[in-house]
Amino acid sequence: MTATNKFHTHEVENQPYALPAYNLWLADPLLQSMVKQHHYAYVPTLLEQFGQYSGHVQFEHGELANKNKPILHAFDRYGRRTDKVEFHPSYHALMSSAMEHQVHSYSWQNSSASGAHVIRAALLYMHSQTDAGTTCPLTMTHAAVPAMRYSKHIPKYWLDKLINGTYDPRELPAFEKNGITVGMGMTEKQGGSDVRRNTTKAVQHPDGSYAITGHKFFYSAPMCDAHLVLAQAEGGLSCFLLPRILESGELNHVRIQRLKDKLGDWSNASSEVEFQEATAFLLGEEGRGVSVIIDMVSLTRLDCMIGSSALMRQALVQATHHVSHRDAFGNTLINQPLMQNVLADLTIESAAATALTMRVAKAVDESGINPHEAALARICTAIGKYWICKRTATFVNEAQECLGGIGYVEENIMPRLYRQAPLNSIWEGSGNVQCLDVLRAMAKEPATQKALFTELQSAKGKNMHFDSYVAQLLNSFSDNEALQMRSRLLTEKTALALQACVLLNNEDAEIRNIAHSFCESRLAGHHGLAFGTLPASTPCEEVITAGALSQRG
């Protein structure tokens, strides 16, 4: 019997092709403008180089690393304990390229240069669009530096390899490696975010090291070369560096109980562990564990903002590409008024998230030399972390809907973005934790409230809706009744005011256009509960064009 075309029923038409490779830096004029807004020196070519590599290589690795989850090998074939987690080669490729392009270290290698944290935020922003799971160890490695600088008890090579090293996944003691990564293990079953309820014990040895006994319920990226952990020492809750492999080459006494079966973040491993007199080294002083990790928490919260903003950006890019090449009801989707409303609304939200993220990166960057920026960083990391991360899941779902049924199918990136979207609102403190921290900062650190109000006044007179909104907001802060009950709404309103402020202070005409549309919709109340409810006066086509992929990319 010969083959025939019997089952050839139709031609495939009116279906977009997959988004082609592009340069994540050159094709994103909004990101370029927002980096330049807060970076006063020459923008390094590293951003363009990493944008090119990310957009042409990293997406495929991100897909493969998420399709092939990490596997725990607790024992070798002969029954010896190994506690090894096996990752797909694409995971290692993602980590290697990210560390080669200084995603984990640019801030520290260029700490004397203006805007180092802003540039590093842009690097992570691009990386997170290709894979969010590897962002976790990169974030922790970056954020561990301030805590490790407190230490007088660890060899110098730890900090040097953390800042200047390259990715080295070999199973070796840290001093033998080309570079190291550091994870974190803070929370326990009984406490969660309330780390003062931790029961893990630390007992000092005569040589100055400590024996750690207890557990951690979330031990992120267990194959890192070391973890920062909190444990109860004689002097109280303290912070320690706990190596995975000791200088002798012996595996430290950390037992991985299981890997978490997570909603998203599939390329990365998260685990539960027990410590059986594991060797660790004190960072700072006994009883000062929370103080040691404060700077680290600020940096990881900023990275939550970066990661969530990046998810928004990639979801927007995918949605815009699809509707630009799909016809329905007699016209291309992107030319239909209601779809334009949805895309413009998503563009405004994405721009606002990225704008506030980069402003906080600038505040972190200058916190060591400018009291205003230090106070602003203290309060705005909590505000931004709460609001941007809270908005991401709804945002990605709306962008997913733009693709219709195909947006729900695992053959494209949208389901992965959607699974990832809720993570940052939970990690490093849920919404309630962030809002309570805002209240705590304003009550105990008056400089934060002053810095916040001063910042908002910097955009006064640039939009009438903004001026009216800020005046009402400032009055809200003077009402001390039921503050905790009102803290979510107050934090939300403050986040909106800050986003408007940063957008209005940008000199780019296209971003100022987005800023006024943001103020009219979000601040003046001319907006519904769902995306796509902008007022008819919004210049939707201009907004969409501003956020679309640049032809340069």
Protein backbone atom coordinates (compact mmCIF):
# COMPACT_ATOMS: atom_id res chain seq x y z
CA MET A 1 0.00 0.00 0.00
CA THR A 2 1.41 3.40 -0.91
CA ALA A 3 1.26 6.49 1.29
CA THR A 4 -1.35 9.10 0.37
CA ASN A 5 -2.36 12.56 1.51
CA LYS A 6 -5.63 11.19 2.82
CA PHE A 7 -5.25 12.82 6.22
CA HIS A 8 -4.11 16.20 4.91
CA THR A 9 -7.17 18.19 5.97
CA HIS A 10 -6.11 21.84 6.10
CA GLU A 11 -3.36 24.44 5.86
CA VAL A 12 -2.15 26.09 9.06
CA GLU A 13 -2.77 29.81 8.80
CA ASN A 14 -3.32 32.78 11.08
CA GLN A 15 -0.96 31.31 13.69
CA PRO A 16 2.03 33.39 14.85
CA TYR A 17 5.51 31.93 14.78
CA ALA A 18 7.41 31.67 18.02
CA LEU A 19 9.08 34.88 19.15
CA PRO A 20 12.51 34.95 17.44
CA ALA A 21 15.74 35.50 19.33
CA TYR A 22 16.44 39.09 20.29
CA ASN A 23 18.77 41.22 22.41
CA LEU A 24 17.07 41.73 25.78
CA TRP A 25 18.90 45.03 26.33
CA LEU A 26 18.76 46.65 22.90
CA ALA A 27 15.13 45.63 22.38
CA ASP A 28 13.94 47.14 25.67
CA PRO A 29 13.98 50.96 25.45
CA LEU A 30 12.08 51.30 28.73
CA LEU A 31 14.75 49.37 30.64
CA GLN A 32 17.49 51.42 28.98
CA SER A 33 15.80 54.68 29.95
CA MET A 34 15.21 53.62 33.56
CA VAL A 35 18.80 52.47 34.00
CA LYS A 36 20.10 55.75 32.61
CA GLN A 37 17.72 57.67 34.90
CA HIS A 38 19.59 56.34 37.95
CA HIS A 39 23.05 55.64 36.56
CA TYR A 40 25.03 58.79 35.95
CA ALA A 41 28.14 57.27 34.42
CA TYR A 42 28.71 55.50 31.13
CA VAL A 43 26.45 52.46 30.82
CA PRO A 44 28.76 49.45 30.40
CA THR A 45 28.72 47.38 27.22
CA LEU A 46 28.28 44.36 29.49
CA LEU A 47 24.52 44.99 29.42
CA GLU A 48 24.35 44.77 25.64
CA GLN A 49 26.61 41.71 25.63
CA PHE A 50 24.55 39.87 28.22
CA GLY A 51 21.32 40.98 26.54
CA GLN A 52 22.53 39.39 23.31
CA TYR A 53 23.63 36.15 24.97
CA SER A 54 20.48 35.89 27.08
CA GLY A 55 18.12 36.44 24.19
CA HIS A 56 19.87 34.04 21.83
CA VAL A 57 21.03 31.21 24.11
CA GLN A 58 19.53 31.38 27.58
CA PHE A 59 15.85 30.87 26.74
CA GLU A 60 16.48 27.36 25.43
CA HIS A 61 18.51 26.47 28.51
CA GLY A 62 15.75 27.87 30.70
CA GLU A 63 13.21 25.64 29.02
CA LEU A 64 15.35 22.52 29.37
CA ALA A 65 16.33 23.21 32.98
CA ASN A 66 12.67 23.51 33.94
CA LYS A 67 11.58 20.42 32.03
CA ASN A 68 14.26 18.37 33.81
CA LYS A 69 13.89 18.96 37.54
CA PRO A 70 16.76 18.40 40.01
CA ILE A 71 17.07 14.87 41.41
CA LEU A 72 18.23 14.01 44.92
CA HIS A 73 20.77 11.19 45.28
CA ALA A 74 20.99 10.66 49.04
CA PHE A 75 23.27 7.62 48.71
CA ASP A 76 25.69 6.19 46.20
CA ARG A 77 25.27 2.68 44.81
CA TYR A 78 27.18 1.18 47.73
CA GLY A 79 25.09 2.87 50.40
CA ARG A 80 27.45 5.72 51.27
CA ARG A 81 25.75 8.98 52.13
CA THR A 82 26.27 11.58 49.37
CA ASP A 83 23.38 14.05 49.71
CA LYS A 84 23.98 15.11 46.14
CA VAL A 85 21.49 16.92 43.93
CA GLU A 86 21.81 16.28 40.21
CA PHE A 87 20.95 19.18 37.89
CA HIS A 88 20.37 19.16 34.15
CA PRO A 89 23.33 20.49 32.11
CA SER A 90 21.23 23.51 31.13
CA TYR A 91 21.05 24.56 34.79
CA HIS A 92 24.84 24.63 34.90
CA ALA A 93 24.94 26.53 31.59
CA LEU A 94 22.59 29.17 33.01
CA MET A 95 24.61 29.54 36.19
CA SER A 96 27.90 29.66 34.31
CA SER A 97 26.84 32.38 31.87
CA ALA A 98 25.18 34.44 34.60
CA MET A 99 28.27 34.39 36.83
CA GLU A 100 30.55 35.01 33.85
CA HIS A 101 28.53 38.17 33.17
CA GLN A 102 28.67 39.20 36.88
CA VAL A 103 24.98 38.83 37.67
CA HIS A 104 26.02 37.77 41.18
CA SER A 105 28.92 40.14 41.67
CA TYR A 106 28.79 43.36 39.63
CA SER A 107 27.68 45.41 42.65
CA TRP A 108 30.71 44.31 44.67
CA GLN A 109 33.32 44.33 41.91
CA ASN A 110 32.31 47.92 41.07
CA SER A 111 31.31 49.12 44.54
CA SER A 112 33.21 52.39 44.14
CA ALA A 113 31.41 53.28 40.91
CA SER A 114 28.13 55.16 40.81
CA GLY A 115 25.11 53.03 39.98
CA ALA A 116 26.69 49.60 40.46
CA HIS A 117 23.51 48.15 41.99
CA VAL A 118 21.45 49.65 39.16
CA ILE A 119 23.59 47.92 36.52
CA ARG A 120 23.48 44.68 38.46
CA ALA A 121 19.68 44.97 38.74
CA ALA A 122 19.48 45.26 34.94
CA LEU A 123 21.65 42.17 34.54
CA LEU A 124 19.43 40.13 36.86
CA TYR A 125 16.32 41.58 35.17
CA MET A 126 17.46 40.12 31.86
CA HIS A 127 18.56 36.80 33.32
CA SER A 128 15.27 36.33 35.19
CA GLN A 129 13.31 36.55 31.94
CA THR A 130 15.09 33.45 30.66
CA ASP A 131 14.99 31.42 33.88
CA ALA A 132 13.82 32.42 37.33
CA GLY A 133 14.99 29.30 39.19
CA THR A 134 18.70 30.04 38.89
CA THR A 135 17.96 33.55 40.11
CA CYS A 136 17.64 32.06 43.60
CA PRO A 137 21.29 30.95 44.09
CA LEU A 138 22.51 34.04 42.21
CA THR A 139 20.50 36.27 44.55
CA MET A 140 21.67 34.51 47.69
CA THR A 141 25.30 34.55 46.58
CA HIS A 142 25.04 38.28 45.88
CA ALA A 143 23.22 39.07 49.13
CA ALA A 144 25.59 37.03 51.31
CA VAL A 145 28.46 39.46 50.84
CA PRO A 146 27.43 42.07 53.48
CA ALA A 147 26.84 39.34 56.07
CA MET A 148 30.17 37.65 55.39
CA ARG A 149 32.00 40.94 55.74
CA TYR A 150 31.03 40.85 59.41
CA SER A 151 33.10 37.75 60.00
CA LYS A 152 36.42 37.59 61.78
CA HIS A 153 36.35 33.81 61.92
CA ILE A 154 36.45 32.62 58.30
CA PRO A 155 39.44 32.57 55.91
CA LYS A 156 39.73 35.45 53.46
CA TYR A 157 39.29 33.17 50.46
CA TRP A 158 35.58 32.76 51.18
CA LEU A 159 34.78 36.40 50.45
CA ASP A 160 37.28 36.64 47.62
CA LYS A 161 35.87 33.62 45.77
CA LEU A 162 32.34 34.84 46.41
CA ILE A 163 32.97 38.21 44.77
CA ASN A 164 35.55 37.39 42.11
CA GLY A 165 34.91 33.76 41.30
CA THR A 166 33.31 32.04 38.33
CA TYR A 167 30.82 29.18 38.42
CA ASP A 168 32.45 25.96 39.57
CA PRO A 169 30.06 23.06 40.31
CA ARG A 170 32.82 20.62 41.28
CA GLU A 171 32.48 18.72 44.58
CA LEU A 172 35.49 20.24 46.32
CA PRO A 173 36.28 22.24 49.46
CA ALA A 174 35.75 25.93 48.83
CA PHE A 175 39.45 26.85 48.93
CA GLU A 176 40.11 24.54 45.94
CA LYS A 177 37.39 26.02 43.72
CA ASN A 178 37.45 28.79 41.10
CA GLY A 179 34.36 30.38 42.62
CA ILE A 180 31.65 29.61 45.15
CA THR A 181 27.93 30.03 45.64
CA VAL A 182 26.16 30.60 48.95
CA GLY A 183 22.61 29.66 49.89
CA MET A 184 20.45 30.39 52.91
CA GLY A 185 18.68 28.36 55.57
CA MET A 186 16.78 30.59 57.94
CA THR A 187 13.29 29.23 58.54
CA GLU A 188 12.16 26.24 60.58
CA LYS A 189 8.92 24.28 60.80
CA GLN A 190 7.65 25.91 63.95
CA GLY A 191 8.56 29.50 63.13
CA GLY A 192 8.59 30.39 59.44
CA SER A 193 9.18 34.13 59.14
CA ASP A 194 9.33 34.39 62.94
CA VAL A 195 12.98 33.34 63.05
CA ARG A 196 13.31 34.17 66.76
CA ARG A 197 11.37 30.94 67.38
CA ASN A 198 14.19 28.93 65.82
CA THR A 199 15.27 25.97 67.96
CA THR A 200 18.41 24.86 66.08
CA LYS A 201 21.33 24.94 68.54
CA ALA A 202 24.91 26.12 68.08
CA VAL A 203 27.63 24.99 70.50
CA GLN A 204 31.11 26.48 70.30
CA HIS A 205 34.16 24.25 69.91
CA PRO A 206 37.54 25.07 71.50
CA ASP A 207 38.90 26.02 68.05
CA GLY A 208 36.24 28.74 67.65
CA SER A 209 34.01 26.85 65.22
CA TYR A 210 30.50 25.76 66.15
CA ALA A 211 28.54 22.51 66.04
CA ILE A 212 25.03 23.05 64.64
CA THR A 213 22.24 20.63 65.56
CA GLY A 214 18.64 21.00 64.39
CA HIS A 215 16.76 21.45 61.13
CA LYS A 216 15.72 23.88 58.39
CA PHE A 217 12.40 23.59 56.61
CA PHE A 218 13.52 25.63 53.60
CA TYR A 219 17.16 25.19 52.67
CA SER A 220 17.47 26.81 49.28
CA ALA A 221 19.83 25.51 46.60
CA PRO A 222 21.37 22.72 48.71
CA MET A 223 24.30 22.22 46.32
CA CYS A 224 25.75 25.64 47.17
CA ASP A 225 29.23 25.57 48.68
CA ALA A 226 27.94 27.02 51.94
CA HIS A 227 24.75 28.32 53.54
CA LEU A 228 24.02 31.15 55.92
CA VAL A 229 21.98 29.73 58.79
CA LEU A 230 20.46 31.07 61.99
CA ALA A 231 20.86 29.09 65.20
CA GLN A 232 20.57 29.65 68.95
CA ALA A 233 24.01 30.05 70.53
CA GLU A 234 24.74 30.74 74.18
CA GLY A 235 24.45 34.46 73.52
CA GLY A 236 21.19 34.18 71.57
CA LEU A 237 20.11 33.89 67.92
CA SER A 238 23.24 34.07 65.77
CA CYS A 239 24.22 33.84 62.11
CA PHE A 240 26.67 31.23 60.83
CA LEU A 241 28.42 30.20 57.64
CA LEU A 242 27.94 26.45 57.21
CA PRO A 243 30.13 24.87 54.47
CA ARG A 244 28.85 21.92 52.46
CA ILE A 245 32.30 20.32 52.19
CA LEU A 246 34.90 20.89 54.91
CA GLU A 247 38.53 21.79 54.21
CA SER A 248 39.44 18.16 54.90
CA GLY A 249 37.28 17.12 51.94
CA GLU A 250 34.72 15.51 54.24
CA LEU A 251 31.03 16.10 53.63
CA ASN A 252 29.66 18.29 56.42
CA HIS A 253 27.01 16.75 58.67
CA VAL A 254 24.03 18.10 56.73
CA ARG A 255 21.44 15.53 55.74
CA ILE A 256 18.98 16.37 52.97
CA GLN A 257 15.62 14.87 53.95
CA ARG A 258 13.85 15.62 50.68
CA LEU A 259 13.52 18.15 47.86
CA LYS A 260 10.41 20.31 47.84
CA ASP A 261 7.79 19.55 45.20
CA LYS A 262 7.05 23.15 44.27
CA LEU A 263 4.40 24.90 42.20
CA GLY A 264 7.09 26.55 40.08
CA ASP A 265 10.79 27.35 40.27
CA TRP A 266 11.43 23.90 38.83
CA SER A 267 15.01 24.40 37.65
CA ASN A 268 16.16 25.14 41.20
CA ALA A 269 16.21 22.76 44.16
CA SER A 270 14.76 23.66 47.55
CA SER A 271 15.16 21.20 50.38
CA GLU A 272 14.50 20.20 53.97
CA VAL A 273 17.61 19.35 55.97
CA GLU A 274 18.78 18.22 59.37
CA PHE A 275 22.08 19.16 61.00
CA GLN A 276 23.89 16.58 63.10
CA GLU A 277 26.63 18.63 64.77
CA ALA A 278 27.50 20.25 61.45
CA THR A 279 30.55 22.49 61.49
CA ALA A 280 29.87 26.22 61.04
CA PHE A 281 31.57 29.57 61.62
CA LEU A 282 30.11 32.59 63.41
CA LEU A 283 29.35 35.73 61.40
CA GLY A 284 29.38 38.83 63.58
CA GLU A 285 28.69 38.30 67.25
CA GLU A 286 26.54 35.88 69.21
CA GLY A 287 23.02 37.13 69.69
CA ARG A 288 23.28 39.51 66.74
CA GLY A 289 22.05 37.14 64.06
CA VAL A 290 19.11 39.27 62.94
CA SER A 291 21.30 42.37 62.72
CA VAL A 292 23.80 40.50 60.56
CA ILE A 293 21.15 39.46 58.04
CA ILE A 294 19.40 42.85 57.79
CA ASP A 295 21.47 44.02 54.81
CA MET A 296 21.06 40.62 53.22
CA VAL A 297 17.27 40.78 53.57
CA SER A 298 17.21 44.22 51.96
CA LEU A 299 19.11 42.89 48.96
CA THR A 300 17.01 39.77 48.57
CA ARG A 301 13.82 41.81 48.75
CA LEU A 302 15.15 44.03 45.99
CA ASP A 303 15.83 40.91 43.95
CA CYS A 304 12.22 39.82 44.50
CA MET A 305 11.20 43.10 42.90
CA ILE A 306 13.65 42.59 40.04
CA GLY A 307 12.48 39.04 39.42
CA SER A 308 8.79 39.93 39.47
CA SER A 309 9.31 42.94 37.20
CA ALA A 310 11.22 40.69 34.81
CA LEU A 311 8.37 38.16 34.72
CA MET A 312 5.98 40.99 33.87
CA ARG A 313 8.24 42.18 31.08
CA GLN A 314 8.61 38.77 29.46
CA ALA A 315 4.88 38.06 29.74
CA LEU A 316 4.17 41.42 28.08
CA VAL A 317 6.67 40.70 25.28
CA GLN A 318 5.07 37.32 24.57
CA ALA A 319 1.53 38.74 24.59
CA THR A 320 2.41 41.68 22.35
CA HIS A 321 4.17 39.44 19.85
CA HIS A 322 1.21 37.07 19.65
CA VAL A 323 -1.51 39.67 19.13
CA SER A 324 0.64 41.45 16.54
CA HIS A 325 0.48 38.35 14.33
CA ARG A 326 -3.02 37.02 14.98
CA ASP A 327 -6.23 38.08 13.20
CA ALA A 328 -9.72 37.77 14.66
CA PHE A 329 -13.08 39.19 13.65
CA GLY A 330 -11.70 40.92 10.59
CA ASN A 331 -8.67 42.66 12.02
CA THR A 332 -5.28 42.00 13.64
CA LEU A 333 -5.78 41.70 17.39
CA ILE A 334 -3.35 44.47 18.26
CA ASN A 335 -5.40 46.93 16.16
CA GLN A 336 -8.64 46.24 18.00
CA PRO A 337 -9.54 48.88 20.62
CA LEU A 338 -10.26 46.54 23.53
CA MET A 339 -7.05 44.56 23.01
CA GLN A 340 -5.18 47.86 22.81
CA ASN A 341 -6.67 48.77 26.17
CA VAL A 342 -5.43 45.51 27.68
CA LEU A 343 -1.92 45.79 26.20
CA ALA A 344 -1.56 49.46 27.13
CA ASP A 345 -2.68 48.67 30.67
CA LEU A 346 -0.15 45.84 30.93
CA THR A 347 2.58 48.09 29.50
CA ILE A 348 1.83 50.78 32.07
CA GLU A 349 1.93 48.24 34.91
CA SER A 350 5.18 46.70 33.68
CA ALA A 351 6.82 50.11 33.27
CA ALA A 352 5.75 51.18 36.76
CA ALA A 353 7.10 47.99 38.32
CA THR A 354 10.45 48.32 36.57
CA ALA A 355 10.68 52.04 37.36
CA LEU A 356 10.21 51.54 41.11
CA THR A 357 12.60 48.59 41.09
CA MET A 358 15.38 50.63 39.52
CA ARG A 359 14.72 53.53 41.90
CA VAL A 360 15.13 51.19 44.88
CA ALA A 361 18.33 49.82 43.32
CA LYS A 362 19.65 53.38 43.23
CA ALA A 363 18.69 53.88 46.88
CA VAL A 364 20.52 50.69 47.86
CA ASP A 365 23.48 51.80 45.78
CA GLU A 366 23.83 55.14 47.59
CA SER A 367 22.72 54.05 51.06
CA GLY A 368 26.28 54.07 52.36
CA ILE A 369 26.89 57.72 51.47
CA ASN A 370 23.48 59.41 51.46
CA PRO A 371 21.19 59.34 54.53
CA HIS A 372 18.10 60.09 52.43
CA GLU A 373 18.82 57.16 50.12
CA ALA A 374 19.59 54.86 53.06
CA ALA A 375 16.27 55.67 54.73
CA LEU A 376 14.43 55.34 51.43
CA ALA A 377 16.01 51.94 50.77
CA ARG A 378 14.98 50.78 54.24
CA ILE A 379 11.27 51.41 53.69
CA CYS A 380 10.89 51.14 49.91
CA THR A 381 12.25 47.61 49.66
CA ALA A 382 9.34 46.45 51.81
CA ILE A 383 6.80 48.63 49.97
CA GLY A 384 8.00 47.62 46.52
CA LYS A 385 8.41 43.97 47.44
CA TYR A 386 4.83 43.85 48.69
CA TRP A 387 3.16 45.59 45.76
CA ILE A 388 5.15 44.49 42.71
CA CYS A 389 5.28 40.85 43.74
CA LYS A 390 1.59 40.92 44.65
CA ARG A 391 0.65 42.20 41.18
CA THR A 392 2.69 39.73 39.17
CA ALA A 393 0.39 36.68 39.21
CA THR A 394 -2.62 38.71 38.04
CA PHE A 395 -0.47 40.41 35.41
CA VAL A 396 0.92 37.18 33.95
CA ASN A 397 -2.56 35.63 33.87
CA GLU A 398 -3.88 38.59 31.85
CA ALA A 399 -0.96 38.36 29.43
CA GLN A 400 -1.56 34.62 29.18
CA GLU A 401 -5.17 35.29 28.25
CA CYS A 402 -4.01 37.40 25.31
CA LEU A 403 -2.71 34.19 23.72
CA GLY A 404 -5.96 32.34 24.27
CA GLY A 405 -5.83 28.57 24.73
CA ILE A 406 -2.27 28.26 23.47
CA GLY A 407 -1.18 30.39 26.43
CA TYR A 408 -2.24 27.53 28.70
CA VAL A 409 -0.16 24.93 26.86
CA GLU A 410 3.28 23.89 28.10
CA GLU A 411 4.81 24.22 24.63
CA ASN A 412 5.38 27.91 25.26
CA ILE A 413 6.84 29.93 28.13
CA MET A 414 3.59 31.35 29.53
CA PRO A 415 2.65 28.46 31.87
CA ARG A 416 6.17 28.56 33.34
CA LEU A 417 5.88 32.30 33.94
CA TYR A 418 2.49 31.79 35.55
CA ARG A 419 3.74 29.06 37.90
CA GLN A 420 6.65 31.28 38.86
CA ALA A 421 4.60 34.43 39.39
CA PRO A 422 3.42 33.85 43.01
CA LEU A 423 6.83 32.89 44.39
CA ASN A 424 8.31 36.29 45.15
CA SER A 425 5.23 37.38 47.07
CA ILE A 426 5.89 34.51 49.48
CA TRP A 427 9.69 34.34 49.59
CA GLU A 428 11.53 36.70 51.97
CA GLY A 429 8.35 37.43 53.89
CA SER A 430 4.75 37.31 52.73
CA GLY A 431 2.58 40.37 52.20
CA ASN A 432 1.67 40.74 55.87
CA VAL A 433 5.33 40.62 56.88
CA GLN A 434 6.17 43.41 54.43
CA CYS A 435 3.31 45.65 55.53
CA LEU A 436 4.13 45.21 59.21
CA ASP A 437 7.75 46.01 58.40
CA VAL A 438 6.63 49.27 56.77
CA LEU A 439 4.81 50.21 59.99
CA ARG A 440 7.79 49.14 62.09
CA ALA A 441 10.20 51.25 60.05
CA MET A 442 8.03 54.35 60.26
CA ALA A 443 7.48 53.96 64.00
CA LYS A 444 11.05 53.16 65.04
CA GLU A 445 13.02 54.95 62.33
CA PRO A 446 11.48 58.42 61.77
CA ALA A 447 14.02 59.13 59.03
CA THR A 448 12.24 56.63 56.79
CA GLN A 449 8.96 58.55 56.87
CA LYS A 450 10.76 61.83 56.22
CA ALA A 451 12.66 60.31 53.28
CA LEU A 452 9.44 58.86 51.85
CA PHE A 453 7.59 62.18 52.03
CA THR A 454 10.58 64.08 50.61
CA GLU A 455 10.80 61.66 47.71
CA LEU A 456 7.13 62.04 46.86
CA GLN A 457 7.44 65.82 46.90
CA SER A 458 10.13 65.62 44.21
CA ALA A 459 7.42 65.11 41.55
CA LYS A 460 5.07 67.77 42.87
CA GLY A 461 3.51 69.91 40.18
CA LYS A 462 4.10 67.44 37.36
CA ASN A 463 0.60 65.95 37.34
CA MET A 464 -2.56 67.24 39.03
CA HIS A 465 -3.84 63.75 39.84
CA PHE A 466 -0.52 62.93 41.49
CA ASP A 467 -0.56 66.11 43.60
CA SER A 468 -4.08 65.44 44.84
CA TYR A 469 -3.35 61.77 45.55
CA VAL A 470 -0.17 62.49 47.51
CA ALA A 471 -1.91 65.14 49.62
CA GLN A 472 -4.57 62.62 50.61
CA LEU A 473 -1.94 59.95 51.24
CA LEU A 474 0.04 62.14 53.58
CA ASN A 475 -3.13 62.81 55.57
CA SER A 476 -3.65 59.06 55.87
CA PHE A 477 -0.32 58.69 57.64
CA SER A 478 -1.42 61.14 60.33
CA ASP A 479 -4.30 58.84 61.31
CA ASN A 480 -2.90 56.35 63.83
CA GLU A 481 -6.16 54.49 64.43
CA ALA A 482 -6.16 50.77 63.54
CA LEU A 483 -2.88 51.14 61.64
CA GLN A 484 -2.18 47.41 61.48
CA MET A 485 -5.61 46.67 60.06
CA ARG A 486 -5.09 49.40 57.46
CA SER A 487 -1.47 48.59 56.68
CA ARG A 488 -2.07 46.70 53.43
CA LEU A 489 -4.16 49.47 51.92
CA LEU A 490 -1.72 52.11 53.14
CA THR A 491 1.25 50.23 51.69
CA GLU A 492 -0.56 49.74 48.39
CA LYS A 493 -1.40 53.43 48.08
CA THR A 494 2.16 54.39 48.95
CA ALA A 495 3.53 52.01 46.32
CA LEU A 496 1.29 53.57 43.67
CA ALA A 497 2.44 57.05 44.66
CA LEU A 498 6.09 56.00 44.48
CA GLN A 499 5.64 54.40 41.07
CA ALA A 500 3.99 57.55 39.75
CA CYS A 501 6.75 59.67 41.27
CA VAL A 502 9.56 57.74 39.58
CA LEU A 503 7.78 57.72 36.22
CA LEU A 504 7.06 61.45 36.38
CA ASN A 505 10.69 62.20 37.23
CA ASN A 506 11.96 60.41 34.13
CA GLU A 507 13.00 62.82 31.37
CA ASP A 508 12.14 60.40 28.53
CA ALA A 509 9.07 61.69 26.70
CA GLU A 510 7.62 58.22 26.14
CA ILE A 511 7.92 57.32 29.82
CA ARG A 512 6.40 60.65 30.86
CA ASN A 513 3.48 59.75 28.58
CA ILE A 514 3.14 56.45 30.43
CA ALA A 515 3.42 58.36 33.72
CA HIS A 516 0.42 60.57 33.00
CA SER A 517 -1.65 57.57 31.91
CA PHE A 518 -0.61 55.82 35.13
CA CYS A 519 -1.74 58.80 37.21
CA GLU A 520 -5.07 59.14 35.42
CA SER A 521 -5.90 55.44 35.76
CA ARG A 522 -4.34 54.38 39.08
CA LEU A 523 -4.40 57.60 41.10
CA ALA A 524 -7.50 59.39 39.81
CA GLY A 525 -9.63 56.26 40.06
CA HIS A 526 -10.38 55.99 36.34
CA HIS A 527 -9.62 52.29 36.31
CA GLY A 528 -11.46 49.07 37.09
CA LEU A 529 -10.35 46.06 39.06
CA ALA A 530 -9.14 44.13 36.00
CA PHE A 531 -6.52 45.02 33.41
CA GLY A 532 -7.91 46.52 30.21
CA THR A 533 -10.07 49.09 32.00
CA LEU A 534 -8.15 52.25 31.12
CA PRO A 535 -10.17 55.39 30.38
CA ALA A 536 -10.94 56.07 26.72
CA SER A 537 -8.66 59.13 26.82
CA THR A 538 -5.55 56.93 27.20
CA PRO A 539 -3.21 57.11 24.17
CA CYS A 540 -3.08 53.33 23.97
CA GLU A 541 -1.19 53.02 20.68
CA GLU A 542 1.58 55.35 21.88
CA VAL A 543 1.88 53.48 25.19
CA ILE A 544 2.05 50.09 23.46
CA THR A 545 4.69 51.36 21.05
CA ALA A 546 6.79 52.63 23.94
CA GLY A 547 6.80 49.20 25.57
CA ALA A 548 7.14 47.07 22.45
CA LEU A 549 10.35 45.38 21.38
CA SER A 550 12.67 47.86 19.72
CA GLN A 551 13.74 46.97 16.18
CA ARG A 552 17.35 47.45 17.34
CA GLY A 553 17.09 44.21 19.32
